[in-house]
Amino acid sequence: MIAVQGFDGQRVAVLGLGRSGLATCAGLVAGGAVPLAWDDSPETRARAEAAGVDLHDLTRVDWSGVAALVTSPGIPHLYPAPNRIIAAALAAGVPVDNDIGLFFRSFTTTRTIEFDQPPKVVAVTGSNGKSTTTALIHHILQEAGRPSQMAGNIGKGVLSIDPPQDGEVIVLELSSYQTELARALTPDIAVFTNLSADHLDRHHGMGGYFAAKRRLFAEGGPDRAVIGVDELEGQFLAGQLSQAPEDARVIRISSGQKLLGPGWNVFARKGFLSEYRRGKQVASIDLRPMAGLPGAHNHQNACAAYAVARSLGLAPRLIEDALDSFTGLPHRSQLVADHGGVRYINDSKATNAESAAQALQAFERIRWIAGGLGKEGGIAGLAPHLDRVRKAYLIGHSAREFALQIGPTAHEICETMERAVARAMAEAEPGEVVLLAPAAASFDQYPDFEKRGEAFMDAVRAGLPDA
């Protein structure tokens, strides 16, 4: 656990008692503060109270005696409208923070300063690929024998990690919800993977969404920035952070284009990862046989993880071996089964059209299972990739809406996951892929994308002859 610094003897309100909220309460107590814990959900309050958390109704609190309000990332504080408790704290002039801000203000202590090799923090943000990139960096470090912990939007809450060891690297996945509010953001290495439209109601448009991501680089100024430059926003951010074209504090990464110039560049083209410095090639890795990293989107993730590992002093050959042993994350291009020449791939994490497009580009001859709770803009943008789809099997709330948007592509309205999997398995031929890439949220039928992915895997395994 990380003991929260700076609030010894003070009362700190905590709104939201999920994973991060409970860890925040524990970290505040460890640092000598008095948490005033609350959640708008009666069920969540009951679970927290059963876990030993003292509850305080923040709808009736006297804000004059509260040093700060710490809120969970999913609770809106500005757009589309602030939660009423956050609004009351803001009106009373009480500072509002989140667990990420508390982590950065508390991570460096007298103990860590005295280490021979002070621990470092790598923070990863972006629209797509954050989780895989974070897990891949953590995996490379573990394979290299470097102490490492993974937390944030993946794994543990940031305040739940163990106190860092000498030379340890903490790898954090940070969503825009986390970066937009944290009052302290001081990673040693910051990564920006890419940007595509998502969470626009929360951020009041693309400008606000990009601004939330950009805070990771602007607030504390990381020692090194790894920036995906396949979109204009990434190019702009890399330009803002560079003092000159050859500035090696910024590593530009790309999937699909060769990066020129005198700086430090890492890119993947036609399945090969290349590292260039000062215009000269330093290393090359063949990513094509790596089963845990299929498709161009995973090649971009590999470029980002490679760049971080090189920044931490690891050799290219060691990184290559670690990339090859990476098996991927659940629900992200996850191979569920390979039977009768048909592969079954679970990419339930593809919750928007952009991430579904990446999944579709990774495979040929696809039996595509899609649908759920559609997002703004639908899936019309997937048209360039539908030539790979032999047939679509549509489920959930947006099934009929999606059917109208995929034009002449063969499709069937299946409604449920079980029927979609059964129909795809019955019609799939050797050499084809049955791919779950929903391009939609899961909340119409499942509590989260993980449960949706598990339902797909269960249906596949139930349908195999030897199940």
Protein backbone atom coordinates (compact mmCIF):
# COMPACT_ATOMS: atom_id res chain seq x y z
CA MET A 1 0.00 0.00 0.00
CA ILE A 2 1.10 3.60 -0.71
CA ALA A 3 0.54 5.82 2.33
CA VAL A 4 -0.97 9.12 1.16
CA GLN A 5 1.20 12.09 2.12
CA GLY A 6 0.16 15.63 3.02
CA PHE A 7 -3.09 15.08 4.94
CA ASP A 8 -1.90 13.94 8.38
CA GLY A 9 -4.65 14.70 10.91
CA GLN A 10 -6.98 16.19 8.26
CA ARG A 11 -10.42 15.12 7.08
CA VAL A 12 -10.53 14.05 3.41
CA ALA A 13 -13.80 13.21 1.65
CA VAL A 14 -13.80 10.15 -0.62
CA LEU A 15 -16.60 9.81 -3.20
CA GLY A 16 -16.97 6.43 -4.90
CA LEU A 17 -16.12 3.20 -3.10
CA GLY A 18 -15.17 0.85 -5.87
CA ARG A 19 -11.64 -0.52 -6.24
CA SER A 20 -9.89 2.85 -6.35
CA GLY A 21 -12.09 4.38 -3.65
CA LEU A 22 -11.44 1.62 -1.13
CA ALA A 23 -7.70 1.78 -1.84
CA THR A 24 -7.84 5.57 -1.37
CA CYS A 25 -9.45 5.18 2.06
CA ALA A 26 -6.77 2.70 3.13
CA GLY A 27 -3.96 4.92 1.82
CA LEU A 28 -5.35 7.97 3.61
CA VAL A 29 -5.58 6.09 6.91
CA ALA A 30 -1.99 4.85 6.46
CA GLY A 31 -0.90 8.47 5.98
CA GLY A 32 -2.68 9.68 9.10
CA ALA A 33 -5.72 11.26 7.46
CA VAL A 34 -9.38 10.74 8.39
CA PRO A 35 -11.39 9.61 5.32
CA LEU A 36 -15.05 10.59 5.02
CA ALA A 37 -16.26 7.85 2.68
CA TRP A 38 -19.44 7.81 0.61
CA ASP A 39 -20.95 6.28 -2.51
CA ASP A 40 -24.23 7.16 -4.20
CA SER A 41 -25.07 3.45 -4.55
CA PRO A 42 -26.64 1.80 -1.48
CA GLU A 43 -25.29 -1.59 -2.58
CA THR A 44 -21.73 -0.26 -2.86
CA ARG A 45 -22.03 1.48 0.51
CA ALA A 46 -23.13 -1.79 2.08
CA ARG A 47 -20.13 -3.65 0.64
CA ALA A 48 -17.75 -0.92 1.81
CA GLU A 49 -19.23 -0.92 5.31
CA ALA A 50 -18.90 -4.71 5.45
CA ALA A 51 -15.22 -4.24 4.56
CA GLY A 52 -14.76 -2.00 7.59
CA VAL A 53 -15.06 1.43 5.98
CA ASP A 54 -16.74 4.15 8.09
CA LEU A 55 -19.42 5.93 6.03
CA HIS A 56 -20.19 9.66 6.14
CA ASP A 57 -23.09 11.13 4.16
CA LEU A 58 -21.33 13.66 1.89
CA THR A 59 -24.67 15.16 0.87
CA ARG A 60 -24.81 16.66 4.40
CA VAL A 61 -21.15 17.25 5.22
CA ASP A 62 -19.78 20.58 6.49
CA TRP A 63 -17.25 21.32 3.76
CA SER A 64 -15.51 23.98 5.89
CA GLY A 65 -13.73 21.19 7.78
CA VAL A 66 -12.69 19.13 4.75
CA ALA A 67 -9.19 19.43 3.29
CA ALA A 68 -9.96 17.81 -0.10
CA LEU A 69 -12.41 15.65 -2.00
CA VAL A 70 -11.05 12.56 -3.75
CA THR A 71 -13.40 11.18 -6.40
CA SER A 72 -13.41 7.96 -8.39
CA PRO A 73 -12.67 8.37 -12.12
CA GLY A 74 -16.09 7.32 -13.41
CA ILE A 75 -17.93 10.11 -11.59
CA PRO A 76 -18.36 13.24 -13.77
CA HIS A 77 -17.02 16.44 -12.27
CA LEU A 78 -17.59 18.89 -15.16
CA TYR A 79 -19.32 17.52 -18.27
CA PRO A 80 -22.05 16.66 -19.05
CA ALA A 81 -22.84 17.85 -15.49
CA PRO A 82 -20.95 17.46 -12.21
CA ASN A 83 -22.12 15.04 -9.56
CA ARG A 84 -24.00 17.01 -6.91
CA ILE A 85 -21.43 16.23 -4.19
CA ILE A 86 -18.56 17.35 -6.40
CA ALA A 87 -20.52 20.48 -7.30
CA ALA A 88 -20.97 21.25 -3.59
CA ALA A 89 -17.24 20.78 -2.91
CA LEU A 90 -16.30 23.04 -5.82
CA ALA A 91 -18.74 25.70 -4.64
CA ALA A 92 -17.16 25.55 -1.17
CA GLY A 93 -13.66 25.95 -2.61
CA VAL A 94 -12.56 22.45 -1.61
CA PRO A 95 -9.81 21.02 -3.89
CA VAL A 96 -10.94 17.99 -5.92
CA ASP A 97 -8.44 15.24 -6.78
CA ASN A 98 -8.35 11.53 -7.59
CA ASP A 99 -6.23 8.57 -6.55
CA ILE A 100 -3.77 9.18 -9.39
CA GLY A 101 -3.01 12.65 -8.05
CA LEU A 102 -2.57 11.24 -4.53
CA PHE A 103 -0.24 8.55 -5.87
CA PHE A 104 2.11 10.99 -7.58
CA ARG A 105 2.23 13.33 -4.59
CA SER A 106 3.01 10.36 -2.31
CA PHE A 107 5.22 8.07 -4.43
CA THR A 108 8.58 9.71 -3.74
CA THR A 109 9.48 9.49 -0.06
CA THR A 110 12.66 9.83 2.00
CA ARG A 111 13.08 6.07 1.68
CA THR A 112 12.98 6.04 -2.13
CA ILE A 113 15.33 9.01 -2.42
CA GLU A 114 17.99 7.01 -0.58
CA PHE A 115 17.86 4.07 -3.03
CA ASP A 116 20.87 3.44 -5.27
CA GLN A 117 18.46 3.42 -8.24
CA PRO A 118 15.34 5.47 -7.50
CA PRO A 119 12.15 3.76 -8.71
CA LYS A 120 10.58 5.04 -11.91
CA VAL A 121 7.01 5.46 -13.11
CA VAL A 122 5.91 4.77 -16.69
CA ALA A 123 2.40 6.06 -17.50
CA VAL A 124 0.49 4.99 -20.63
CA THR A 125 -2.51 6.81 -22.08
CA GLY A 126 -4.31 7.02 -25.44
CA SER A 127 -7.58 5.85 -26.98
CA ASN A 128 -6.69 2.29 -27.98
CA GLY A 129 -3.95 -0.12 -26.98
CA LYS A 130 -3.34 1.27 -23.48
CA SER A 131 -3.92 -2.01 -21.67
CA THR A 132 -1.89 -4.15 -24.05
CA THR A 133 0.97 -1.64 -24.11
CA THR A 134 1.00 -1.42 -20.31
CA ALA A 135 0.95 -5.19 -19.90
CA LEU A 136 3.60 -5.60 -22.58
CA ILE A 137 5.99 -3.15 -20.86
CA HIS A 138 5.44 -4.97 -17.56
CA HIS A 139 6.06 -8.33 -19.26
CA ILE A 140 9.30 -7.13 -20.88
CA LEU A 141 10.60 -5.85 -17.54
CA GLN A 142 9.73 -9.12 -15.81
CA GLU A 143 11.45 -11.13 -18.53
CA ALA A 144 14.52 -8.89 -18.11
CA GLY A 145 14.59 -9.51 -14.37
CA ARG A 146 13.69 -5.93 -13.49
CA PRO A 147 11.33 -5.50 -10.52
CA SER A 148 8.02 -4.11 -11.79
CA GLN A 149 4.41 -3.58 -10.75
CA MET A 150 1.41 -2.84 -12.97
CA ALA A 151 -1.53 -0.73 -11.80
CA GLY A 152 -4.01 2.03 -12.64
CA ASN A 153 -6.73 1.24 -15.12
CA ILE A 154 -5.41 -2.34 -15.25
CA GLY A 155 -4.49 -4.65 -12.40
CA LYS A 156 -4.40 -3.00 -8.98
CA GLY A 157 -5.50 0.47 -7.96
CA VAL A 158 -2.45 2.73 -7.81
CA LEU A 159 -2.56 3.13 -4.03
CA SER A 160 -2.80 -0.65 -3.54
CA ILE A 161 0.65 -1.44 -4.94
CA ASP A 162 3.49 -2.46 -2.65
CA PRO A 163 6.01 0.22 -1.62
CA PRO A 164 8.56 0.33 -4.47
CA GLN A 165 11.90 -1.46 -4.31
CA ASP A 166 15.31 -0.14 -5.28
CA GLY A 167 15.33 0.19 -9.08
CA GLU A 168 11.70 -0.88 -9.53
CA VAL A 169 9.52 0.34 -12.41
CA ILE A 170 5.82 1.04 -11.81
CA VAL A 171 3.81 0.80 -15.06
CA LEU A 172 0.46 2.59 -15.04
CA GLU A 173 -2.39 2.54 -17.52
CA LEU A 174 -4.22 5.87 -17.25
CA SER A 175 -7.55 6.68 -18.89
CA SER A 176 -8.65 10.19 -19.81
CA TYR A 177 -10.97 10.07 -16.80
CA GLN A 178 -7.89 9.65 -14.61
CA THR A 179 -5.56 12.14 -16.28
CA GLU A 180 -8.10 14.96 -16.58
CA LEU A 181 -8.50 15.50 -12.82
CA ALA A 182 -5.25 14.41 -11.15
CA ARG A 183 -3.62 17.41 -9.45
CA ALA A 184 -0.16 15.80 -9.73
CA LEU A 185 1.11 13.99 -12.84
CA THR A 186 4.87 13.39 -12.80
CA PRO A 187 5.82 10.14 -14.56
CA ASP A 188 9.41 9.53 -15.60
CA ILE A 189 8.26 8.19 -18.98
CA ALA A 190 4.86 9.02 -20.52
CA VAL A 191 3.31 7.20 -23.48
CA PHE A 192 0.61 8.44 -25.87
CA THR A 193 -0.57 5.60 -28.12
CA ASN A 194 -3.17 7.21 -30.41
CA LEU A 195 -6.39 9.22 -30.42
CA SER A 196 -9.84 8.44 -31.77
CA ALA A 197 -13.31 9.65 -30.84
CA ASP A 198 -14.49 8.25 -27.52
CA HIS A 199 -16.04 9.54 -24.26
CA LEU A 200 -16.95 12.79 -26.04
CA ASP A 201 -19.91 13.56 -23.78
CA ARG A 202 -17.65 13.36 -20.73
CA HIS A 203 -15.02 15.67 -22.27
CA HIS A 204 -17.37 17.98 -24.20
CA GLY A 205 -15.92 17.04 -27.60
CA MET A 206 -12.63 15.96 -29.16
CA GLY A 207 -10.79 19.08 -27.98
CA GLY A 208 -11.58 18.34 -24.35
CA TYR A 209 -10.75 14.65 -24.82
CA PHE A 210 -7.32 15.46 -26.26
CA ALA A 211 -6.72 18.06 -23.55
CA ALA A 212 -7.36 15.42 -20.89
CA LYS A 213 -4.74 13.12 -22.46
CA ARG A 214 -2.29 15.97 -22.99
CA ARG A 215 -2.24 16.79 -19.26
CA LEU A 216 -0.05 13.73 -18.66
CA PHE A 217 2.70 15.45 -20.63
CA ALA A 218 2.04 19.09 -19.79
CA GLU A 219 1.59 19.04 -16.00
CA GLY A 220 4.82 17.45 -14.82
CA GLY A 221 7.02 17.20 -17.87
CA PRO A 222 8.23 13.58 -18.14
CA ASP A 223 11.94 12.92 -18.71
CA ARG A 224 10.99 11.05 -21.89
CA ALA A 225 7.83 10.96 -23.98
CA VAL A 226 6.84 8.15 -26.36
CA ILE A 227 4.31 9.57 -28.82
CA GLY A 228 2.24 7.83 -31.48
CA VAL A 229 2.23 10.12 -34.50
CA ASP A 230 -0.25 8.38 -36.80
CA GLU A 231 -2.82 11.08 -36.00
CA LEU A 232 -2.52 14.85 -36.18
CA GLU A 233 -2.91 15.21 -32.41
CA GLY A 234 0.11 12.99 -31.80
CA GLN A 235 2.19 14.93 -34.30
CA PHE A 236 1.16 18.16 -32.59
CA LEU A 237 2.01 16.81 -29.13
CA ALA A 238 5.41 15.52 -30.24
CA GLY A 239 6.16 18.90 -31.78
CA GLN A 240 5.20 20.72 -28.60
CA LEU A 241 7.46 18.54 -26.46
CA SER A 242 10.52 18.67 -28.73
CA GLN A 243 13.11 21.43 -28.43
CA ALA A 244 14.58 20.52 -31.83
CA PRO A 245 14.04 17.85 -34.53
CA GLU A 246 16.86 15.74 -33.08
CA ASP A 247 15.58 15.99 -29.47
CA ALA A 248 15.90 12.40 -28.15
CA ARG A 249 13.65 13.10 -25.17
CA VAL A 250 10.75 12.45 -27.56
CA ILE A 251 10.48 9.06 -29.27
CA ARG A 252 8.03 9.06 -32.15
CA ILE A 253 6.29 5.76 -32.93
CA SER A 254 4.12 4.63 -35.82
CA SER A 255 2.44 1.59 -37.27
CA GLY A 256 2.38 1.70 -41.07
CA GLN A 257 4.69 4.56 -41.98
CA LYS A 258 8.45 4.97 -42.04
CA LEU A 259 9.49 7.80 -39.77
CA LEU A 260 12.22 10.02 -41.15
CA GLY A 261 14.25 12.72 -39.49
CA PRO A 262 17.20 13.06 -37.14
CA GLY A 263 15.36 12.16 -33.93
CA TRP A 264 14.61 8.86 -32.17
CA ASN A 265 11.99 6.89 -34.11
CA VAL A 266 10.43 3.44 -33.72
CA PHE A 267 8.00 2.22 -36.37
CA ALA A 268 6.47 -0.98 -37.77
CA ARG A 269 5.92 -1.61 -41.48
CA LYS A 270 4.88 -4.87 -43.14
CA GLY A 271 5.37 -6.70 -39.87
CA PHE A 272 8.87 -5.46 -39.09
CA LEU A 273 9.68 -3.16 -36.17
CA SER A 274 12.59 -0.77 -36.80
CA GLU A 275 14.45 1.59 -34.49
CA TYR A 276 16.20 4.62 -36.02
CA ARG A 277 18.39 7.21 -34.33
CA ARG A 278 19.93 10.19 -36.09
CA GLY A 279 18.64 8.78 -39.38
CA LYS A 280 20.40 5.41 -38.99
CA GLN A 281 18.85 2.04 -38.27
CA VAL A 282 19.79 0.65 -34.85
CA ALA A 283 17.69 -2.52 -34.65
CA SER A 284 14.98 -4.52 -36.43
CA ILE A 285 12.52 -7.16 -35.16
CA ASP A 286 10.25 -9.43 -37.18
CA LEU A 287 6.85 -9.24 -35.45
CA ARG A 288 5.00 -11.47 -37.92
CA PRO A 289 5.44 -14.83 -36.15
CA MET A 290 4.49 -13.43 -32.71
CA ALA A 291 1.09 -14.97 -31.96
CA GLY A 292 0.38 -12.64 -29.03
CA LEU A 293 0.72 -9.51 -31.18
CA PRO A 294 -1.46 -9.94 -34.30
CA GLY A 295 -2.25 -7.02 -36.60
CA ALA A 296 -1.07 -3.48 -37.15
CA HIS A 297 -2.64 -2.17 -33.93
CA ASN A 298 -0.64 -4.62 -31.86
CA HIS A 299 2.46 -3.71 -33.82
CA GLN A 300 1.94 -0.12 -32.68
CA ASN A 301 1.64 -1.40 -29.11
CA ALA A 302 4.90 -3.28 -29.60
CA CYS A 303 6.60 -0.12 -30.86
CA ALA A 304 5.51 1.81 -27.77
CA ALA A 305 6.62 -0.92 -25.37
CA TYR A 306 9.92 -1.32 -27.23
CA ALA A 307 10.58 2.42 -27.01
CA VAL A 308 9.94 2.43 -23.26
CA ALA A 309 12.17 -0.60 -22.72
CA ARG A 310 14.98 1.00 -24.72
CA SER A 311 14.57 4.18 -22.65
CA LEU A 312 15.10 2.02 -19.56
CA GLY A 313 18.34 0.65 -20.99
CA LEU A 314 17.26 -2.80 -22.22
CA ALA A 315 18.96 -4.36 -25.26
CA PRO A 316 17.01 -4.99 -28.49
CA ARG A 317 17.58 -8.77 -28.45
CA LEU A 318 16.26 -9.10 -24.90
CA ILE A 319 13.18 -7.05 -25.84
CA GLU A 320 12.64 -9.22 -28.93
CA ASP A 321 12.63 -12.40 -26.85
CA ALA A 322 10.13 -10.86 -24.42
CA LEU A 323 7.83 -9.72 -27.24
CA ASP A 324 7.87 -13.25 -28.65
CA SER A 325 6.82 -14.78 -25.30
CA PHE A 326 3.94 -12.34 -24.74
CA THR A 327 0.62 -14.20 -24.90
CA GLY A 328 -1.68 -11.16 -24.99
CA LEU A 329 -4.41 -10.00 -22.64
CA PRO A 330 -7.82 -11.55 -22.10
CA HIS A 331 -10.51 -10.08 -24.38
CA ARG A 332 -7.96 -8.37 -26.65
CA SER A 333 -7.27 -10.41 -29.81
CA GLN A 334 -7.33 -13.45 -27.51
CA LEU A 335 -7.09 -16.83 -29.21
CA VAL A 336 -9.85 -18.95 -27.62
CA ALA A 337 -9.61 -22.05 -29.81
CA ASP A 338 -8.18 -23.35 -33.09
CA HIS A 339 -10.31 -26.25 -34.28
CA GLY A 340 -10.85 -27.74 -37.71
CA GLY A 341 -8.83 -24.97 -39.34
CA VAL A 342 -11.04 -22.26 -37.80
CA ARG A 343 -9.64 -19.82 -35.24
CA TYR A 344 -11.89 -18.25 -32.60
CA ILE A 345 -10.75 -14.79 -31.45
CA ASN A 346 -12.15 -12.86 -28.47
CA ASP A 347 -11.71 -9.10 -28.87
CA SER A 348 -14.56 -8.04 -26.59
CA LYS A 349 -12.50 -4.98 -25.61
CA ALA A 350 -13.21 -3.57 -29.11
CA THR A 351 -15.97 -1.36 -27.72
CA ASN A 352 -15.92 1.31 -30.45
CA ALA A 353 -15.65 1.42 -34.22
CA GLU A 354 -11.98 2.41 -34.20
CA SER A 355 -10.87 -0.56 -32.12
CA ALA A 356 -13.13 -2.90 -34.12
CA ALA A 357 -11.48 -1.63 -37.31
CA GLN A 358 -8.09 -2.58 -35.91
CA ALA A 359 -9.36 -6.06 -35.07
CA LEU A 360 -10.85 -6.51 -38.55
CA GLN A 361 -7.58 -5.47 -40.18
CA ALA A 362 -5.68 -8.12 -38.24
CA PHE A 363 -7.42 -11.07 -39.92
CA GLU A 364 -8.72 -12.30 -43.28
CA ARG A 365 -11.94 -14.24 -44.06
CA ILE A 366 -13.86 -13.26 -40.96
CA ARG A 367 -17.10 -14.46 -39.42
CA TRP A 368 -17.77 -11.29 -37.45
CA ILE A 369 -19.84 -11.13 -34.26
CA ALA A 370 -20.74 -7.51 -33.51
CA GLY A 371 -23.30 -5.42 -31.69
CA GLY A 372 -24.32 -4.32 -28.23
CA LEU A 373 -25.03 -0.79 -27.09
CA GLY A 374 -23.89 1.26 -30.08
CA LYS A 375 -21.95 4.49 -29.66
CA GLU A 376 -22.29 7.86 -31.34
CA GLY A 377 -21.40 7.59 -35.01
CA GLY A 378 -22.24 3.90 -35.24
CA ILE A 379 -20.11 1.64 -37.45
CA ALA A 380 -20.43 3.32 -40.84
CA GLY A 381 -16.70 4.06 -40.68
CA LEU A 382 -15.93 0.34 -40.86
CA ALA A 383 -16.98 0.14 -44.53
CA PRO A 384 -13.37 0.02 -45.87
CA HIS A 385 -12.72 -3.14 -43.84
CA LEU A 386 -15.87 -5.10 -44.54
CA ASP A 387 -14.41 -6.82 -47.61
CA ARG A 388 -12.71 -9.13 -45.10
CA VAL A 389 -16.05 -10.14 -43.58
CA ARG A 390 -17.68 -13.27 -44.99
CA LYS A 391 -20.73 -12.71 -42.81
CA ALA A 392 -21.72 -10.64 -39.76
CA TYR A 393 -23.71 -12.08 -36.85
CA LEU A 394 -25.33 -9.16 -35.02
CA ILE A 395 -26.35 -9.13 -31.37
CA GLY A 396 -27.78 -6.84 -28.74
CA HIS A 397 -29.56 -3.50 -28.73
CA SER A 398 -27.92 -2.15 -31.89
CA ALA A 399 -28.19 -5.29 -34.03
CA ARG A 400 -30.74 -3.88 -36.48
CA GLU A 401 -29.09 -0.47 -36.56
CA PHE A 402 -25.75 -2.11 -37.40
CA ALA A 403 -27.44 -4.18 -40.11
CA LEU A 404 -28.49 -0.98 -41.87
CA GLN A 405 -24.95 0.43 -41.66
CA ILE A 406 -23.01 -2.48 -43.17
CA GLY A 407 -24.72 -2.28 -46.57
CA PRO A 408 -24.43 -5.37 -48.78
CA THR A 409 -22.29 -7.35 -46.32
CA ALA A 410 -23.99 -10.68 -45.60
CA HIS A 411 -25.45 -10.64 -42.13
CA GLU A 412 -27.86 -12.30 -39.74
CA ILE A 413 -29.72 -10.81 -36.77
CA CYS A 414 -28.92 -13.22 -33.93
CA GLU A 415 -29.82 -11.12 -30.87
CA THR A 416 -27.88 -13.28 -28.36
CA MET A 417 -24.23 -14.27 -28.10
CA GLU A 418 -25.11 -17.95 -27.87
CA ARG A 419 -27.04 -17.94 -31.14
CA ALA A 420 -24.41 -15.82 -32.92
CA VAL A 421 -21.61 -18.19 -31.92
CA ALA A 422 -23.64 -21.26 -32.84
CA ARG A 423 -24.48 -19.86 -36.29
CA ALA A 424 -20.89 -18.73 -36.96
CA MET A 425 -19.50 -22.10 -35.90
CA ALA A 426 -21.97 -23.93 -38.13
CA GLU A 427 -21.05 -21.88 -41.20
CA ALA A 428 -17.29 -21.30 -40.68
CA GLU A 429 -14.92 -23.02 -43.11
CA PRO A 430 -11.24 -23.94 -42.71
CA GLY A 431 -9.01 -20.89 -42.97
CA GLU A 432 -11.65 -18.56 -41.53
CA VAL A 433 -11.73 -16.67 -38.24
CA VAL A 434 -14.75 -16.32 -35.95
CA LEU A 435 -14.10 -12.89 -34.44
CA LEU A 436 -15.91 -11.17 -31.59
CA ALA A 437 -15.21 -7.45 -32.12
CA PRO A 438 -18.47 -5.81 -31.01
CA ALA A 439 -17.81 -2.13 -31.92
CA ALA A 440 -20.24 -1.33 -29.10
CA ALA A 441 -20.52 -1.14 -25.34
CA SER A 442 -21.69 -4.22 -23.46
CA PHE A 443 -24.14 -2.69 -21.00
CA ASP A 444 -27.32 -3.74 -22.81
CA GLN A 445 -26.65 -7.42 -22.09
CA TYR A 446 -23.57 -7.65 -19.85
CA PRO A 447 -22.15 -5.68 -16.91
CA ASP A 448 -18.82 -5.15 -18.69
CA PHE A 449 -16.79 -6.22 -21.71
CA GLU A 450 -15.08 -8.95 -19.66
CA LYS A 451 -18.37 -10.75 -19.00
CA ARG A 452 -19.26 -10.42 -22.68
CA GLY A 453 -15.93 -11.97 -23.65
CA GLU A 454 -16.44 -14.78 -21.17
CA ALA A 455 -19.86 -15.48 -22.68
CA PHE A 456 -18.25 -15.74 -26.12
CA MET A 457 -15.58 -18.13 -24.85
CA ASP A 458 -18.13 -20.28 -23.04
CA ALA A 459 -20.27 -20.52 -26.17
CA VAL A 460 -17.27 -21.45 -28.33
CA ARG A 461 -16.07 -24.13 -25.94
CA ALA A 462 -19.59 -25.53 -25.55
CA GLY A 463 -19.85 -25.83 -29.33
CA LEU A 464 -16.60 -27.70 -29.92
CA PRO A 465 -16.95 -31.47 -30.47
CA ASP A 466 -14.62 -32.37 -27.62
CA ALA A 467 -16.15 -29.88 -25.15
